[in-house]
Amino acid sequence: MEMRKGVDLVRNAMRDFELARKYRDAKEYLTASILYRKATEKVLKALFLQYRRKSPPANASLEYLAEQAKLPENIYDELVSIPDETTELQQDEQLLEYDDYEMTHREQASEYRDTLSKHELVRRLLDYAKANV
């Protein structure tokens, strides 16, 4: 039962990942960022299920889940460098103050690079999960 749940979580994470990519390509960086975080949470929960054989705590942080998921060190280090959800949402809310047309080219480039790095991290997480769940 738990194994099936882990596989379903990975599949759902893959859908979130693809949807996030589409939003990133459409320059909808806030939505893409939220979807990348959701995909990350699902992958980590699937890995938690795989290694701990029980559901993770409901309020578990990404860092806690990552510690339990037996991630390769390079993925773990990058993952724990991501701001916690509250901080990240506060940063994302600042984006809402801008109209897409008013955002400077530099700000758009920065947001693009941020979502691109999240994209690469989640892609690596998904590859790891597909090989281990």
C-alpha atoms as a PDB file:
ATOM      1  CA  MET A   1       0.000   0.000   0.000  1.00  0.00           C
ATOM      2  CA  GLU A   2       2.716   2.494   1.002  1.00  0.00           C
ATOM      3  CA  MET A   3       4.769   1.580  -2.083  1.00  0.00           C
ATOM      4  CA  ARG A   4       1.813   2.319  -4.356  1.00  0.00           C
ATOM      5  CA  LYS A   5       1.302   5.642  -2.598  1.00  0.00           C
ATOM      6  CA  GLY A   6       4.962   6.528  -3.211  1.00  0.00           C
ATOM      7  CA  VAL A   7       4.688   5.727  -6.929  1.00  0.00           C
ATOM      8  CA  ASP A   8       1.521   7.844  -7.152  1.00  0.00           C
ATOM      9  CA  LEU A   9       3.283  10.739  -5.431  1.00  0.00           C
ATOM     10  CA  VAL A  10       6.130  10.570  -7.954  1.00  0.00           C
ATOM     11  CA  ARG A  11       3.654  10.529 -10.848  1.00  0.00           C
ATOM     12  CA  ASN A  12       1.845  13.543  -9.407  1.00  0.00           C
ATOM     13  CA  ALA A  13       5.169  15.304  -8.908  1.00  0.00           C
ATOM     14  CA  MET A  14       6.003  14.673 -12.561  1.00  0.00           C
ATOM     15  CA  ARG A  15       2.716  16.324 -13.577  1.00  0.00           C
ATOM     16  CA  ASP A  16       3.424  19.317 -11.333  1.00  0.00           C
ATOM     17  CA  PHE A  17       6.930  19.514 -12.793  1.00  0.00           C
ATOM     18  CA  GLU A  18       5.655  19.599 -16.384  1.00  0.00           C
ATOM     19  CA  LEU A  19       3.004  22.159 -15.518  1.00  0.00           C
ATOM     20  CA  ALA A  20       5.601  24.304 -13.730  1.00  0.00           C
ATOM     21  CA  ARG A  21       7.795  24.189 -16.843  1.00  0.00           C
ATOM     22  CA  LYS A  22       4.891  25.447 -18.960  1.00  0.00           C
ATOM     23  CA  TYR A  23       4.241  28.307 -16.548  1.00  0.00           C
ATOM     24  CA  ARG A  24       7.954  29.163 -16.454  1.00  0.00           C
ATOM     25  CA  ASP A  25       8.060  29.232 -20.253  1.00  0.00           C
ATOM     26  CA  ALA A  26       5.002  31.522 -20.199  1.00  0.00           C
ATOM     27  CA  LYS A  27       6.886  33.831 -17.777  1.00  0.00           C
ATOM     28  CA  GLU A  28       4.443  33.053 -14.970  1.00  0.00           C
ATOM     29  CA  TYR A  29       7.273  32.677 -12.476  1.00  0.00           C
ATOM     30  CA  LEU A  30       5.215  32.829  -9.272  1.00  0.00           C
ATOM     31  CA  THR A  31       2.977  29.954 -10.366  1.00  0.00           C
ATOM     32  CA  ALA A  32       5.973  27.983 -11.631  1.00  0.00           C
ATOM     33  CA  SER A  33       7.772  28.457  -8.319  1.00  0.00           C
ATOM     34  CA  ILE A  34       4.783  27.189  -6.329  1.00  0.00           C
ATOM     35  CA  LEU A  35       4.427  24.140  -8.575  1.00  0.00           C
ATOM     36  CA  TYR A  36       8.149  23.324  -8.339  1.00  0.00           C
ATOM     37  CA  ARG A  37       7.853  23.428  -4.531  1.00  0.00           C
ATOM     38  CA  LYS A  38       4.803  21.140  -4.626  1.00  0.00           C
ATOM     39  CA  ALA A  39       6.647  18.689  -6.878  1.00  0.00           C
ATOM     40  CA  THR A  40       9.612  18.757  -4.498  1.00  0.00           C
ATOM     41  CA  GLU A  41       7.377  18.020  -1.504  1.00  0.00           C
ATOM     42  CA  LYS A  42       5.736  15.093  -3.292  1.00  0.00           C
ATOM     43  CA  VAL A  43       9.057  13.556  -4.307  1.00  0.00           C
ATOM     44  CA  LEU A  44      10.439  13.873  -0.790  1.00  0.00           C
ATOM     45  CA  LYS A  45       7.290  12.348   0.693  1.00  0.00           C
ATOM     46  CA  ALA A  46       7.552   9.426  -1.748  1.00  0.00           C
ATOM     47  CA  LEU A  47      11.182   8.874  -0.741  1.00  0.00           C
ATOM     48  CA  PHE A  48      10.239   9.139   2.936  1.00  0.00           C
ATOM     49  CA  LEU A  49       7.630   6.428   2.394  1.00  0.00           C
ATOM     50  CA  GLN A  50      10.211   4.300   0.601  1.00  0.00           C
ATOM     51  CA  TYR A  51      12.843   4.455   3.323  1.00  0.00           C
ATOM     52  CA  ARG A  52      10.772   4.852   6.501  1.00  0.00           C
ATOM     53  CA  ARG A  53       7.804   2.652   5.479  1.00  0.00           C
ATOM     54  CA  LYS A  54       5.333   5.113   6.987  1.00  0.00           C
ATOM     55  CA  SER A  55       3.733   8.415   6.059  1.00  0.00           C
ATOM     56  CA  PRO A  56       5.719  11.538   6.895  1.00  0.00           C
ATOM     57  CA  PRO A  57       4.438  13.961   9.536  1.00  0.00           C
ATOM     58  CA  ALA A  58       1.860  16.370   8.106  1.00  0.00           C
ATOM     59  CA  ASN A  59       3.880  19.483   8.952  1.00  0.00           C
ATOM     60  CA  ALA A  60       7.323  18.132   8.013  1.00  0.00           C
ATOM     61  CA  SER A  61       9.717  20.689   6.544  1.00  0.00           C
ATOM     62  CA  LEU A  62      11.552  20.127   3.275  1.00  0.00           C
ATOM     63  CA  GLU A  63      14.792  19.907   5.230  1.00  0.00           C
ATOM     64  CA  TYR A  64      13.423  17.181   7.525  1.00  0.00           C
ATOM     65  CA  LEU A  65      12.043  15.206   4.581  1.00  0.00           C
ATOM     66  CA  ALA A  66      15.332  15.599   2.724  1.00  0.00           C
ATOM     67  CA  GLU A  67      17.265  14.306   5.741  1.00  0.00           C
ATOM     68  CA  GLN A  68      15.063  11.201   5.851  1.00  0.00           C
ATOM     69  CA  ALA A  69      15.115  10.606   2.080  1.00  0.00           C
ATOM     70  CA  LYS A  70      18.754   9.455   1.804  1.00  0.00           C
ATOM     71  CA  LEU A  71      19.416  11.952  -0.994  1.00  0.00           C
ATOM     72  CA  PRO A  72      22.797  12.225  -2.665  1.00  0.00           C
ATOM     73  CA  GLU A  73      24.807  14.944  -0.952  1.00  0.00           C
ATOM     74  CA  ASN A  74      24.815  17.336  -3.924  1.00  0.00           C
ATOM     75  CA  ILE A  75      21.004  17.246  -4.209  1.00  0.00           C
ATOM     76  CA  TYR A  76      20.559  17.503  -0.441  1.00  0.00           C
ATOM     77  CA  ASP A  77      22.863  20.535  -0.179  1.00  0.00           C
ATOM     78  CA  GLU A  78      21.046  22.367  -2.948  1.00  0.00           C
ATOM     79  CA  LEU A  79      17.638  21.475  -1.554  1.00  0.00           C
ATOM     80  CA  VAL A  80      18.321  22.723   1.957  1.00  0.00           C
ATOM     81  CA  SER A  81      19.626  26.014   0.541  1.00  0.00           C
ATOM     82  CA  ILE A  82      16.095  26.807  -0.717  1.00  0.00           C
ATOM     83  CA  PRO A  83      14.325  29.240   1.636  1.00  0.00           C
ATOM     84  CA  ASP A  84      11.581  27.765   3.806  1.00  0.00           C
ATOM     85  CA  GLU A  85       8.048  27.987   2.460  1.00  0.00           C
ATOM     86  CA  THR A  86       7.083  31.095   4.447  1.00  0.00           C
ATOM     87  CA  THR A  87      10.164  33.013   3.307  1.00  0.00           C
ATOM     88  CA  GLU A  88       9.747  31.845  -0.272  1.00  0.00           C
ATOM     89  CA  LEU A  89       6.074  32.847  -0.339  1.00  0.00           C
ATOM     90  CA  GLN A  90       6.967  36.295   1.012  1.00  0.00           C
ATOM     91  CA  GLN A  91       9.527  36.677  -1.767  1.00  0.00           C
ATOM     92  CA  ASP A  92       6.996  35.467  -4.328  1.00  0.00           C
ATOM     93  CA  GLU A  93       4.363  37.902  -3.054  1.00  0.00           C
ATOM     94  CA  GLN A  94       6.751  40.723  -3.864  1.00  0.00           C
ATOM     95  CA  LEU A  95       6.476  39.629  -7.481  1.00  0.00           C
ATOM     96  CA  LEU A  96       2.751  40.285  -7.350  1.00  0.00           C
ATOM     97  CA  GLU A  97       3.483  43.972  -6.887  1.00  0.00           C
ATOM     98  CA  TYR A  98       4.820  44.088 -10.432  1.00  0.00           C
ATOM     99  CA  ASP A  99       2.815  44.072 -13.571  1.00  0.00           C
ATOM    100  CA  ASP A 100       4.594  41.772 -16.042  1.00  0.00           C
ATOM    101  CA  TYR A 101       4.983  44.718 -18.388  1.00  0.00           C
ATOM    102  CA  GLU A 102       6.506  46.893 -15.679  1.00  0.00           C
ATOM    103  CA  MET A 103       9.090  44.351 -14.569  1.00  0.00           C
ATOM    104  CA  THR A 104      12.532  45.325 -15.722  1.00  0.00           C
ATOM    105  CA  HIS A 105      14.459  43.023 -17.982  1.00  0.00           C
ATOM    106  CA  ARG A 106      16.930  42.407 -15.128  1.00  0.00           C
ATOM    107  CA  GLU A 107      14.143  41.401 -12.712  1.00  0.00           C
ATOM    108  CA  GLN A 108      12.611  39.070 -15.290  1.00  0.00           C
ATOM    109  CA  ALA A 109      16.004  37.511 -15.978  1.00  0.00           C
ATOM    110  CA  SER A 110      16.549  36.987 -12.250  1.00  0.00           C
ATOM    111  CA  GLU A 111      13.154  35.327 -11.834  1.00  0.00           C
ATOM    112  CA  TYR A 112      13.816  33.160 -14.879  1.00  0.00           C
ATOM    113  CA  ARG A 113      17.182  32.016 -13.476  1.00  0.00           C
ATOM    114  CA  ASP A 114      15.535  31.243 -10.122  1.00  0.00           C
ATOM    115  CA  THR A 115      12.831  29.084 -11.689  1.00  0.00           C
ATOM    116  CA  LEU A 116      15.386  27.465 -13.989  1.00  0.00           C
ATOM    117  CA  SER A 117      17.499  26.402 -10.996  1.00  0.00           C
ATOM    118  CA  LYS A 118      14.370  25.008  -9.302  1.00  0.00           C
ATOM    119  CA  HIS A 119      13.529  23.205 -12.535  1.00  0.00           C
ATOM    120  CA  GLU A 120      16.945  21.524 -12.603  1.00  0.00           C
ATOM    121  CA  LEU A 121      16.771  20.581  -8.916  1.00  0.00           C
ATOM    122  CA  VAL A 122      13.311  19.024  -9.270  1.00  0.00           C
ATOM    123  CA  ARG A 123      14.388  17.216 -12.446  1.00  0.00           C
ATOM    124  CA  ARG A 124      17.303  15.648 -10.548  1.00  0.00           C
ATOM    125  CA  LEU A 125      15.026  14.793  -7.615  1.00  0.00           C
ATOM    126  CA  LEU A 126      12.560  13.121  -9.975  1.00  0.00           C
ATOM    127  CA  ASP A 127      15.343  11.122 -11.643  1.00  0.00           C
ATOM    128  CA  TYR A 128      16.542   9.973  -8.224  1.00  0.00           C
ATOM    129  CA  ALA A 129      13.001   9.091  -7.105  1.00  0.00           C
ATOM    130  CA  LYS A 130      12.225   7.160 -10.290  1.00  0.00           C
ATOM    131  CA  ALA A 131      15.311   5.047  -9.684  1.00  0.00           C
ATOM    132  CA  ASN A 132      14.538   4.486  -5.995  1.00  0.00           C
ATOM    133  CA  VAL A 133      10.758   4.331  -5.517  1.00  0.00           C
END
